[in-house]
N, C-alpha and C. Protein backbone atom coordinates (compact mmCIF):
# COMPACT_ATOMS: atom_id res chain seq x y z
N MET A 1 -3.09 22.76 -21.40
CA MET A 1 -2.03 21.96 -20.81
C MET A 1 -2.01 20.62 -21.54
N THR A 2 -0.84 20.15 -21.90
CA THR A 2 -0.72 18.91 -22.66
C THR A 2 -0.79 17.71 -21.74
N ALA A 3 -1.13 16.56 -22.32
CA ALA A 3 -1.18 15.31 -21.54
C ALA A 3 0.20 14.97 -21.00
N HIS A 4 1.25 15.32 -21.74
CA HIS A 4 2.61 15.04 -21.30
C HIS A 4 2.93 15.80 -20.01
N LYS A 5 2.54 17.07 -19.93
CA LYS A 5 2.77 17.86 -18.72
C LYS A 5 1.95 17.31 -17.57
N LYS A 6 0.72 16.89 -17.84
CA LYS A 6 -0.12 16.34 -16.78
C LYS A 6 0.46 15.03 -16.26
N ALA A 7 0.95 14.18 -17.16
CA ALA A 7 1.53 12.91 -16.74
C ALA A 7 2.79 13.13 -15.91
N ALA A 8 3.47 14.22 -16.14
CA ALA A 8 4.68 14.53 -15.38
C ALA A 8 4.33 15.05 -13.99
N GLY A 9 3.04 15.17 -13.67
CA GLY A 9 2.65 15.58 -12.33
C GLY A 9 2.10 16.97 -12.26
N GLU A 10 2.02 17.66 -13.38
CA GLU A 10 1.47 19.01 -13.37
C GLU A 10 -0.02 18.90 -13.62
N GLY A 11 -0.80 18.95 -12.58
CA GLY A 11 -2.25 18.81 -12.70
C GLY A 11 -2.91 20.13 -13.03
N VAL A 12 -4.22 20.13 -12.95
CA VAL A 12 -4.99 21.33 -13.23
C VAL A 12 -4.77 22.31 -12.08
N PRO A 13 -4.37 23.54 -12.35
CA PRO A 13 -4.18 24.51 -11.28
C PRO A 13 -5.50 24.77 -10.56
N GLN A 14 -5.42 24.97 -9.25
CA GLN A 14 -6.62 25.21 -8.45
C GLN A 14 -7.39 26.43 -8.95
N ALA A 15 -6.68 27.43 -9.42
CA ALA A 15 -7.35 28.65 -9.91
C ALA A 15 -8.22 28.33 -11.12
N ALA A 16 -7.84 27.33 -11.92
CA ALA A 16 -8.62 26.97 -13.11
C ALA A 16 -9.94 26.31 -12.73
N CYS A 17 -10.04 25.79 -11.49
CA CYS A 17 -11.24 25.09 -11.07
C CYS A 17 -12.31 26.04 -10.51
N LYS A 18 -12.01 27.32 -10.37
CA LYS A 18 -12.99 28.26 -9.85
C LYS A 18 -13.88 28.75 -10.99
N ASN A 19 -15.13 29.04 -10.67
CA ASN A 19 -16.11 29.54 -11.64
C ASN A 19 -16.22 28.62 -12.86
N LEU A 20 -16.60 27.39 -12.63
CA LEU A 20 -16.66 26.40 -13.70
C LEU A 20 -18.02 26.34 -14.40
N GLU A 21 -18.91 27.26 -14.08
CA GLU A 21 -20.24 27.19 -14.69
C GLU A 21 -20.16 27.15 -16.21
N HIS A 22 -19.22 27.85 -16.79
CA HIS A 22 -19.12 27.90 -18.23
C HIS A 22 -18.14 26.86 -18.80
N GLN A 23 -17.54 25.99 -17.93
CA GLN A 23 -16.55 25.02 -18.39
C GLN A 23 -17.01 23.58 -18.20
N HIS A 24 -18.29 23.31 -18.04
CA HIS A 24 -18.76 21.97 -17.70
C HIS A 24 -18.27 20.89 -18.65
N PHE A 25 -18.16 21.15 -19.92
CA PHE A 25 -17.83 20.11 -20.86
C PHE A 25 -16.44 20.26 -21.46
N THR A 26 -15.62 21.04 -20.83
CA THR A 26 -14.23 21.16 -21.27
C THR A 26 -13.39 20.14 -20.51
N ALA A 27 -12.23 19.84 -21.03
CA ALA A 27 -11.34 18.89 -20.34
C ALA A 27 -10.98 19.41 -18.95
N THR A 28 -10.70 20.69 -18.85
CA THR A 28 -10.36 21.27 -17.56
C THR A 28 -11.54 21.18 -16.60
N GLY A 29 -12.74 21.44 -17.07
CA GLY A 29 -13.94 21.36 -16.24
C GLY A 29 -14.17 19.94 -15.73
N ILE A 30 -13.99 18.96 -16.60
CA ILE A 30 -14.18 17.55 -16.20
C ILE A 30 -13.12 17.16 -15.18
N GLU A 31 -11.89 17.56 -15.41
CA GLU A 31 -10.81 17.24 -14.47
C GLU A 31 -11.07 17.88 -13.11
N CYS A 32 -11.53 19.12 -13.10
CA CYS A 32 -11.85 19.80 -11.84
C CYS A 32 -13.00 19.11 -11.12
N GLN A 33 -14.03 18.74 -11.86
CA GLN A 33 -15.17 18.05 -11.25
C GLN A 33 -14.73 16.71 -10.65
N PHE A 34 -13.85 16.01 -11.36
CA PHE A 34 -13.36 14.73 -10.86
C PHE A 34 -12.55 14.93 -9.58
N GLN A 35 -11.66 15.92 -9.57
CA GLN A 35 -10.87 16.20 -8.37
C GLN A 35 -11.76 16.58 -7.20
N ASP A 36 -12.78 17.42 -7.44
CA ASP A 36 -13.71 17.82 -6.39
C ASP A 36 -14.48 16.63 -5.85
N ALA A 37 -14.94 15.76 -6.76
CA ALA A 37 -15.69 14.57 -6.33
C ALA A 37 -14.81 13.64 -5.51
N ALA A 38 -13.56 13.46 -5.93
CA ALA A 38 -12.63 12.61 -5.19
C ALA A 38 -12.38 13.19 -3.81
N ARG A 39 -12.14 14.50 -3.74
CA ARG A 39 -11.91 15.17 -2.46
C ARG A 39 -13.12 15.02 -1.54
N ALA A 40 -14.33 15.19 -2.09
CA ALA A 40 -15.56 15.07 -1.31
C ALA A 40 -15.74 13.64 -0.79
N ALA A 41 -15.26 12.67 -1.54
CA ALA A 41 -15.36 11.27 -1.13
C ALA A 41 -14.23 10.86 -0.19
N GLY A 42 -13.35 11.80 0.14
CA GLY A 42 -12.24 11.50 1.05
C GLY A 42 -11.08 10.79 0.38
N ILE A 43 -10.95 10.96 -0.93
CA ILE A 43 -9.86 10.33 -1.67
C ILE A 43 -8.87 11.41 -2.09
N PRO A 44 -7.77 11.55 -1.38
CA PRO A 44 -6.79 12.58 -1.72
C PRO A 44 -5.89 12.12 -2.86
N LEU A 45 -6.15 12.58 -4.05
CA LEU A 45 -5.35 12.23 -5.22
C LEU A 45 -4.10 13.10 -5.26
N THR A 46 -2.98 12.49 -5.59
CA THR A 46 -1.74 13.27 -5.68
C THR A 46 -1.24 13.39 -7.11
N GLY A 47 -1.69 12.51 -7.98
CA GLY A 47 -1.24 12.55 -9.37
C GLY A 47 -2.15 13.41 -10.22
N ALA A 48 -1.75 13.57 -11.46
CA ALA A 48 -2.53 14.39 -12.39
C ALA A 48 -3.75 13.62 -12.90
N ILE A 49 -4.83 14.32 -13.18
CA ILE A 49 -6.02 13.77 -13.81
C ILE A 49 -5.94 14.13 -15.29
N ILE A 50 -6.02 13.13 -16.14
CA ILE A 50 -5.93 13.35 -17.57
C ILE A 50 -7.23 12.90 -18.21
N ALA A 51 -8.02 13.83 -18.67
CA ALA A 51 -9.33 13.52 -19.26
C ALA A 51 -9.20 13.44 -20.77
N ASP A 52 -8.60 12.34 -21.26
CA ASP A 52 -8.43 12.20 -22.71
C ASP A 52 -9.14 10.96 -23.25
N GLY A 53 -9.99 10.32 -22.41
CA GLY A 53 -10.74 9.16 -22.85
C GLY A 53 -9.97 7.85 -22.71
N VAL A 54 -8.76 7.90 -22.25
CA VAL A 54 -7.93 6.70 -22.06
C VAL A 54 -7.79 6.46 -20.55
N LEU A 55 -7.78 5.18 -20.17
CA LEU A 55 -7.64 4.85 -18.75
C LEU A 55 -6.23 5.20 -18.28
N HIS A 56 -6.15 6.02 -17.23
CA HIS A 56 -4.89 6.38 -16.59
C HIS A 56 -5.03 6.07 -15.10
N ARG A 57 -3.99 5.57 -14.52
CA ARG A 57 -3.99 5.29 -13.09
C ARG A 57 -3.42 6.51 -12.36
N SER A 58 -3.95 6.74 -11.16
CA SER A 58 -3.48 7.86 -10.36
C SER A 58 -3.13 7.35 -8.97
N HIS A 59 -2.08 7.88 -8.42
CA HIS A 59 -1.67 7.50 -7.07
C HIS A 59 -2.58 8.16 -6.06
N ILE A 60 -3.01 7.40 -5.06
CA ILE A 60 -3.83 7.93 -3.97
C ILE A 60 -2.92 8.09 -2.76
N GLU A 61 -2.97 9.24 -2.13
CA GLU A 61 -2.12 9.53 -0.98
C GLU A 61 -2.35 8.48 0.10
N GLY A 62 -1.28 7.92 0.64
CA GLY A 62 -1.36 6.92 1.69
C GLY A 62 -1.44 5.50 1.15
N GLN A 63 -1.66 5.35 -0.15
CA GLN A 63 -1.73 4.03 -0.75
C GLN A 63 -0.32 3.59 -1.11
N ARG A 64 -0.06 2.31 -0.88
CA ARG A 64 1.26 1.80 -1.23
C ARG A 64 1.42 1.79 -2.74
N ALA A 65 2.54 2.26 -3.17
CA ALA A 65 2.83 2.26 -4.60
C ALA A 65 3.15 0.83 -5.04
N ARG A 66 2.91 0.53 -6.27
CA ARG A 66 3.26 -0.79 -6.79
C ARG A 66 4.77 -0.92 -6.83
N LEU A 67 5.23 -2.14 -6.57
CA LEU A 67 6.67 -2.37 -6.51
C LEU A 67 7.21 -2.73 -7.87
N SER A 68 8.39 -2.25 -8.14
CA SER A 68 9.07 -2.62 -9.39
C SER A 68 9.69 -4.01 -9.20
N ASP A 69 10.13 -4.60 -10.31
CA ASP A 69 10.79 -5.90 -10.23
C ASP A 69 12.05 -5.81 -9.39
N ALA A 70 12.77 -4.70 -9.48
CA ALA A 70 13.99 -4.51 -8.68
C ALA A 70 13.65 -4.44 -7.19
N ASP A 71 12.53 -3.75 -6.86
CA ASP A 71 12.10 -3.67 -5.46
C ASP A 71 11.73 -5.06 -4.94
N ARG A 72 10.98 -5.81 -5.75
CA ARG A 72 10.59 -7.17 -5.35
C ARG A 72 11.82 -8.05 -5.13
N ALA A 73 12.80 -7.93 -6.03
CA ALA A 73 14.03 -8.72 -5.90
C ALA A 73 14.78 -8.34 -4.63
N ALA A 74 14.83 -7.05 -4.31
CA ALA A 74 15.52 -6.59 -3.10
C ALA A 74 14.80 -7.10 -1.85
N ILE A 75 13.48 -7.09 -1.88
CA ILE A 75 12.70 -7.59 -0.74
C ILE A 75 12.92 -9.09 -0.57
N ALA A 76 12.92 -9.84 -1.68
CA ALA A 76 13.15 -11.28 -1.61
C ALA A 76 14.55 -11.59 -1.08
N ALA A 77 15.54 -10.82 -1.52
CA ALA A 77 16.92 -11.02 -1.05
C ALA A 77 17.02 -10.73 0.45
N GLU A 78 16.37 -9.67 0.90
CA GLU A 78 16.39 -9.33 2.34
C GLU A 78 15.69 -10.42 3.15
N ARG A 79 14.57 -10.91 2.65
CA ARG A 79 13.83 -11.98 3.33
C ARG A 79 14.70 -13.23 3.43
N GLN A 80 15.41 -13.57 2.36
CA GLN A 80 16.29 -14.73 2.36
C GLN A 80 17.46 -14.51 3.34
N ARG A 81 18.02 -13.31 3.37
CA ARG A 81 19.12 -13.01 4.29
C ARG A 81 18.67 -13.18 5.74
N ARG A 82 17.45 -12.67 6.06
CA ARG A 82 16.92 -12.80 7.42
C ARG A 82 16.67 -14.27 7.77
N GLU A 83 16.19 -15.06 6.82
CA GLU A 83 15.94 -16.48 7.06
C GLU A 83 17.25 -17.22 7.34
N ILE A 84 18.29 -16.92 6.57
CA ILE A 84 19.60 -17.54 6.80
C ILE A 84 20.13 -17.14 8.17
N GLU A 85 19.95 -15.87 8.52
CA GLU A 85 20.41 -15.38 9.84
C GLU A 85 19.64 -16.07 10.96
N ARG A 86 18.32 -16.25 10.79
CA ARG A 86 17.49 -16.91 11.80
C ARG A 86 17.93 -18.36 11.98
N GLN A 87 18.18 -19.06 10.86
CA GLN A 87 18.62 -20.45 10.94
C GLN A 87 19.97 -20.56 11.63
N GLN A 88 20.88 -19.63 11.35
CA GLN A 88 22.19 -19.65 12.00
C GLN A 88 22.05 -19.40 13.50
N THR A 89 21.18 -18.46 13.87
CA THR A 89 20.93 -18.19 15.29
C THR A 89 20.38 -19.44 15.98
N GLN A 90 19.47 -20.15 15.30
CA GLN A 90 18.91 -21.37 15.88
C GLN A 90 19.96 -22.48 15.99
N ARG A 91 20.84 -22.60 14.98
CA ARG A 91 21.91 -23.60 15.07
C ARG A 91 22.84 -23.30 16.24
N THR A 92 23.18 -22.02 16.41
CA THR A 92 24.04 -21.62 17.52
C THR A 92 23.37 -21.91 18.85
N ALA A 93 22.06 -21.62 18.94
CA ALA A 93 21.31 -21.89 20.17
C ALA A 93 21.26 -23.38 20.47
N ALA A 94 21.07 -24.19 19.44
CA ALA A 94 21.03 -25.64 19.64
C ALA A 94 22.39 -26.15 20.12
N GLU A 95 23.47 -25.61 19.57
CA GLU A 95 24.81 -26.00 20.02
C GLU A 95 25.00 -25.64 21.50
N LYS A 96 24.56 -24.45 21.87
CA LYS A 96 24.69 -24.03 23.27
C LYS A 96 23.81 -24.90 24.17
N ALA A 97 22.61 -25.25 23.70
CA ALA A 97 21.73 -26.12 24.49
C ALA A 97 22.39 -27.49 24.69
N ARG A 98 23.01 -28.03 23.65
CA ARG A 98 23.70 -29.32 23.77
C ARG A 98 24.87 -29.22 24.76
N PHE A 99 25.59 -28.09 24.73
CA PHE A 99 26.70 -27.88 25.66
C PHE A 99 26.18 -27.84 27.10
N ILE A 100 25.12 -27.07 27.33
CA ILE A 100 24.55 -26.97 28.69
C ILE A 100 24.03 -28.32 29.14
N TRP A 101 23.32 -29.01 28.24
CA TRP A 101 22.73 -30.32 28.57
C TRP A 101 23.82 -31.31 29.00
N ALA A 102 24.95 -31.26 28.33
CA ALA A 102 26.06 -32.16 28.67
C ALA A 102 26.61 -31.88 30.07
N LYS A 103 26.45 -30.65 30.57
CA LYS A 103 26.96 -30.28 31.89
C LYS A 103 25.95 -30.54 33.01
N THR A 104 24.71 -30.92 32.67
CA THR A 104 23.69 -31.14 33.70
C THR A 104 23.89 -32.49 34.38
N GLN A 105 23.24 -32.64 35.53
CA GLN A 105 23.36 -33.86 36.32
C GLN A 105 22.06 -34.67 36.20
N HIS A 106 22.21 -35.99 36.16
CA HIS A 106 21.04 -36.86 36.16
C HIS A 106 20.35 -36.75 37.52
N ILE A 107 19.05 -36.80 37.53
CA ILE A 107 18.29 -36.76 38.78
C ILE A 107 17.89 -38.19 39.13
N THR A 108 18.29 -38.60 40.32
CA THR A 108 17.98 -39.97 40.74
C THR A 108 16.82 -40.01 41.73
N ASP A 109 16.50 -38.87 42.34
CA ASP A 109 15.45 -38.83 43.35
C ASP A 109 14.72 -37.49 43.25
N PRO A 110 13.38 -37.49 43.29
CA PRO A 110 12.64 -36.22 43.20
C PRO A 110 13.02 -35.22 44.28
N SER A 111 13.61 -35.67 45.37
CA SER A 111 13.98 -34.74 46.44
C SER A 111 15.15 -33.84 46.02
N GLN A 112 15.74 -34.08 44.87
CA GLN A 112 16.85 -33.25 44.40
C GLN A 112 16.39 -31.89 43.90
N HIS A 113 15.08 -31.73 43.65
CA HIS A 113 14.57 -30.43 43.19
C HIS A 113 13.20 -30.17 43.81
N PRO A 114 12.99 -28.98 44.41
CA PRO A 114 11.74 -28.67 45.08
C PRO A 114 10.49 -28.75 44.17
N TYR A 115 10.66 -28.45 42.89
CA TYR A 115 9.52 -28.50 41.97
C TYR A 115 8.99 -29.92 41.85
N LEU A 116 9.90 -30.88 41.76
CA LEU A 116 9.49 -32.29 41.68
C LEU A 116 8.77 -32.72 42.95
N MET A 117 9.26 -32.25 44.07
CA MET A 117 8.63 -32.58 45.36
C MET A 117 7.24 -31.94 45.44
N LYS A 118 7.16 -30.68 45.10
CA LYS A 118 5.89 -29.95 45.19
C LYS A 118 4.82 -30.58 44.31
N LYS A 119 5.22 -30.99 43.10
CA LYS A 119 4.26 -31.55 42.15
C LYS A 119 4.10 -33.06 42.32
N ARG A 120 4.94 -33.66 43.17
CA ARG A 120 4.93 -35.10 43.41
C ARG A 120 5.08 -35.89 42.11
N ILE A 121 6.13 -35.53 41.37
CA ILE A 121 6.41 -36.19 40.10
C ILE A 121 7.85 -36.67 40.05
N GLN A 122 8.12 -37.62 39.18
CA GLN A 122 9.47 -38.11 38.93
C GLN A 122 10.15 -37.22 37.89
N ALA A 123 11.44 -37.33 37.79
CA ALA A 123 12.20 -36.52 36.84
C ALA A 123 11.94 -36.97 35.40
N ASN A 124 11.78 -38.26 35.17
CA ASN A 124 11.49 -38.81 33.84
C ASN A 124 12.36 -38.23 32.74
N GLY A 125 13.64 -38.16 32.97
CA GLY A 125 14.57 -37.70 31.94
C GLY A 125 15.01 -36.26 32.10
N ALA A 126 14.31 -35.49 32.91
CA ALA A 126 14.76 -34.12 33.17
C ALA A 126 16.06 -34.20 33.97
N ARG A 127 16.83 -33.16 33.90
CA ARG A 127 18.11 -33.14 34.60
C ARG A 127 18.19 -31.91 35.50
N LEU A 128 19.28 -31.84 36.25
CA LEU A 128 19.49 -30.77 37.20
C LEU A 128 20.70 -29.94 36.78
N SER A 129 20.53 -28.63 36.82
CA SER A 129 21.64 -27.72 36.54
C SER A 129 21.79 -26.81 37.74
N VAL A 130 23.00 -26.75 38.27
CA VAL A 130 23.29 -25.84 39.38
C VAL A 130 24.22 -24.77 38.83
N TYR A 131 23.72 -23.53 38.85
CA TYR A 131 24.49 -22.41 38.30
C TYR A 131 24.35 -21.23 39.24
N GLN A 132 25.46 -20.71 39.68
CA GLN A 132 25.52 -19.59 40.61
C GLN A 132 24.67 -19.86 41.85
N GLY A 133 24.76 -21.08 42.33
CA GLY A 133 24.06 -21.44 43.56
C GLY A 133 22.58 -21.74 43.40
N ARG A 134 22.05 -21.64 42.21
CA ARG A 134 20.63 -21.92 41.98
C ARG A 134 20.48 -23.23 41.23
N ALA A 135 19.60 -24.08 41.72
CA ALA A 135 19.34 -25.36 41.06
C ALA A 135 18.12 -25.21 40.16
N SER A 136 18.28 -25.60 38.92
CA SER A 136 17.17 -25.55 37.96
C SER A 136 16.92 -26.92 37.40
N LEU A 137 15.67 -27.25 37.26
CA LEU A 137 15.27 -28.45 36.56
C LEU A 137 15.40 -28.13 35.08
N VAL A 138 16.04 -29.01 34.32
CA VAL A 138 16.29 -28.74 32.90
C VAL A 138 15.55 -29.78 32.06
N ILE A 139 14.67 -29.31 31.19
CA ILE A 139 13.88 -30.19 30.33
C ILE A 139 14.35 -29.97 28.89
N PRO A 140 14.70 -31.06 28.19
CA PRO A 140 15.16 -30.90 26.81
C PRO A 140 13.98 -30.63 25.87
N ILE A 141 14.21 -29.77 24.89
CA ILE A 141 13.22 -29.49 23.85
C ILE A 141 13.80 -30.05 22.55
N LEU A 142 13.09 -31.00 21.97
CA LEU A 142 13.58 -31.68 20.78
C LEU A 142 12.84 -31.21 19.54
N GLY A 143 13.59 -31.09 18.46
CA GLY A 143 13.02 -30.77 17.16
C GLY A 143 13.38 -31.88 16.19
N GLU A 144 13.20 -31.63 14.92
CA GLU A 144 13.51 -32.63 13.90
C GLU A 144 14.98 -33.01 13.91
N SER A 145 15.83 -32.07 14.28
CA SER A 145 17.27 -32.33 14.24
C SER A 145 17.83 -32.72 15.61
N GLY A 146 16.98 -33.05 16.56
CA GLY A 146 17.45 -33.43 17.89
C GLY A 146 17.22 -32.31 18.90
N LEU A 147 18.13 -32.19 19.86
CA LEU A 147 18.00 -31.19 20.91
C LEU A 147 18.13 -29.79 20.31
N THR A 148 17.11 -28.96 20.48
CA THR A 148 17.13 -27.60 19.93
C THR A 148 17.12 -26.54 21.01
N SER A 149 16.60 -26.88 22.18
CA SER A 149 16.50 -25.88 23.24
C SER A 149 16.35 -26.58 24.57
N LEU A 150 16.29 -25.78 25.61
CA LEU A 150 16.09 -26.30 26.96
C LEU A 150 15.07 -25.43 27.67
N GLN A 151 14.29 -26.05 28.55
CA GLN A 151 13.42 -25.30 29.44
C GLN A 151 13.99 -25.44 30.84
N PHE A 152 14.04 -24.32 31.53
CA PHE A 152 14.58 -24.31 32.89
C PHE A 152 13.44 -24.01 33.86
N ILE A 153 13.32 -24.84 34.90
CA ILE A 153 12.32 -24.60 35.95
C ILE A 153 13.08 -24.44 37.25
N GLU A 154 12.95 -23.28 37.84
CA GLU A 154 13.67 -23.01 39.09
C GLU A 154 12.89 -23.55 40.29
N ALA A 155 13.50 -23.52 41.44
CA ALA A 155 12.87 -24.03 42.66
C ALA A 155 11.58 -23.29 42.98
N THR A 156 11.49 -22.04 42.58
CA THR A 156 10.30 -21.24 42.84
C THR A 156 9.19 -21.52 41.83
N ALA A 157 9.44 -22.48 40.92
CA ALA A 157 8.51 -22.87 39.85
C ALA A 157 8.48 -21.84 38.73
N ALA A 158 9.37 -20.84 38.77
CA ALA A 158 9.49 -19.93 37.63
C ALA A 158 10.18 -20.71 36.52
N ASN A 159 9.68 -20.57 35.30
CA ASN A 159 10.32 -21.31 34.22
C ASN A 159 10.62 -20.39 33.06
N GLY A 160 11.51 -20.84 32.21
CA GLY A 160 11.88 -20.05 31.04
C GLY A 160 12.54 -20.93 30.01
N PHE A 161 12.48 -20.48 28.77
CA PHE A 161 13.10 -21.20 27.67
C PHE A 161 14.36 -20.47 27.26
N TYR A 162 15.28 -21.20 26.67
CA TYR A 162 16.46 -20.59 26.09
C TYR A 162 15.97 -19.79 24.90
N ARG A 163 16.09 -18.47 24.93
CA ARG A 163 15.41 -17.55 24.02
C ARG A 163 15.73 -17.69 22.53
N ALA A 164 16.97 -17.89 22.17
CA ALA A 164 17.34 -17.85 20.75
C ALA A 164 17.00 -19.14 20.01
N ALA A 165 16.49 -20.10 20.72
CA ALA A 165 16.27 -21.41 20.12
C ALA A 165 15.04 -21.44 19.22
N LYS A 166 14.95 -22.52 18.48
CA LYS A 166 13.82 -22.72 17.58
C LYS A 166 12.56 -22.82 18.42
N SER A 167 11.55 -22.05 18.08
CA SER A 167 10.37 -21.98 18.94
C SER A 167 9.32 -23.01 18.60
N LYS A 168 9.41 -23.68 17.46
CA LYS A 168 8.39 -24.64 17.08
C LYS A 168 8.75 -26.06 17.49
N ALA A 169 9.84 -26.23 18.22
CA ALA A 169 10.21 -27.55 18.70
C ALA A 169 9.27 -27.96 19.82
N VAL A 170 9.19 -29.25 20.08
CA VAL A 170 8.29 -29.74 21.12
C VAL A 170 9.09 -30.44 22.21
N PRO A 171 8.60 -30.40 23.47
CA PRO A 171 9.27 -31.16 24.52
C PRO A 171 9.33 -32.63 24.14
N TRP A 172 10.21 -33.35 24.75
CA TRP A 172 10.56 -34.68 24.30
C TRP A 172 9.48 -35.72 24.52
N GLY A 173 8.35 -35.54 23.88
CA GLY A 173 7.28 -36.53 23.77
C GLY A 173 6.61 -36.90 25.07
N SER A 174 6.30 -38.19 25.20
CA SER A 174 5.52 -38.66 26.35
C SER A 174 6.25 -38.50 27.65
N ALA A 175 7.58 -38.45 27.61
CA ALA A 175 8.34 -38.24 28.84
C ALA A 175 8.02 -36.89 29.44
N CYS A 176 7.80 -35.89 28.58
CA CYS A 176 7.43 -34.57 29.09
C CYS A 176 6.05 -34.62 29.72
N LEU A 177 5.13 -35.33 29.09
CA LEU A 177 3.79 -35.44 29.67
C LEU A 177 3.85 -36.17 31.00
N ALA A 178 4.70 -37.19 31.07
CA ALA A 178 4.85 -37.93 32.32
C ALA A 178 5.42 -37.03 33.41
N LEU A 179 6.29 -36.13 33.05
CA LEU A 179 6.88 -35.20 34.00
C LEU A 179 5.80 -34.32 34.62
N LEU A 180 4.81 -33.97 33.82
CA LEU A 180 3.78 -33.06 34.30
C LEU A 180 2.66 -33.76 35.06
N ARG A 181 2.60 -35.10 35.00
CA ARG A 181 1.55 -35.82 35.72
C ARG A 181 1.96 -36.07 37.16
N PRO A 182 1.02 -35.97 38.09
CA PRO A 182 1.34 -36.30 39.48
C PRO A 182 1.73 -37.78 39.60
N ASN A 183 2.52 -38.10 40.59
CA ASN A 183 2.97 -39.46 40.82
C ASN A 183 1.86 -40.23 41.53
N ARG A 184 1.01 -40.85 40.74
CA ARG A 184 -0.12 -41.60 41.31
C ARG A 184 -0.07 -43.05 40.81
N GLY A 185 0.74 -43.81 41.43
CA GLY A 185 0.75 -45.24 41.17
C GLY A 185 1.37 -45.67 39.84
N GLY A 186 2.05 -44.84 39.13
CA GLY A 186 2.63 -45.30 37.88
C GLY A 186 4.04 -44.78 37.67
N PHE A 187 4.22 -43.58 37.84
CA PHE A 187 5.53 -43.00 37.54
C PHE A 187 6.32 -42.96 38.80
């Protein structure tokens, strides 16, 4: 069998590997011994073994194949497309958060929301949103570009974030920390 046929994927036939006692130093014998050793070691080779003294690479079953430049370019393009889509989703979420925030009411007294009463804290910039008969405490989440999301705390103390928003934004600094502190002689 020629090296060209082996490189095309035509390996040593299994029948040629039987009764190798007289073939130990032939190319076919060496290839069979190599395949047997690989199989015994749990390495399922799928490509041809070429025993011509030159280094040849062989694909191992289950191993990821090396990517071509075209594959890498396609992956990079897809990654860039997803990043642009993610940024657009975050911009849309920030716009919606700004719209909702503009519709909220300023809180003048902690008695306006049960969570503030229960925790004995001031609103410190949080606002109130009444939607479908439910009052939610609304906390702004600020990022580098301003308001990026909102956190909603319901009267039952269940809370949630606006899902599509940027997740690495932080609540609005010390005012958020003040919101979480009990009202003990300062706030």
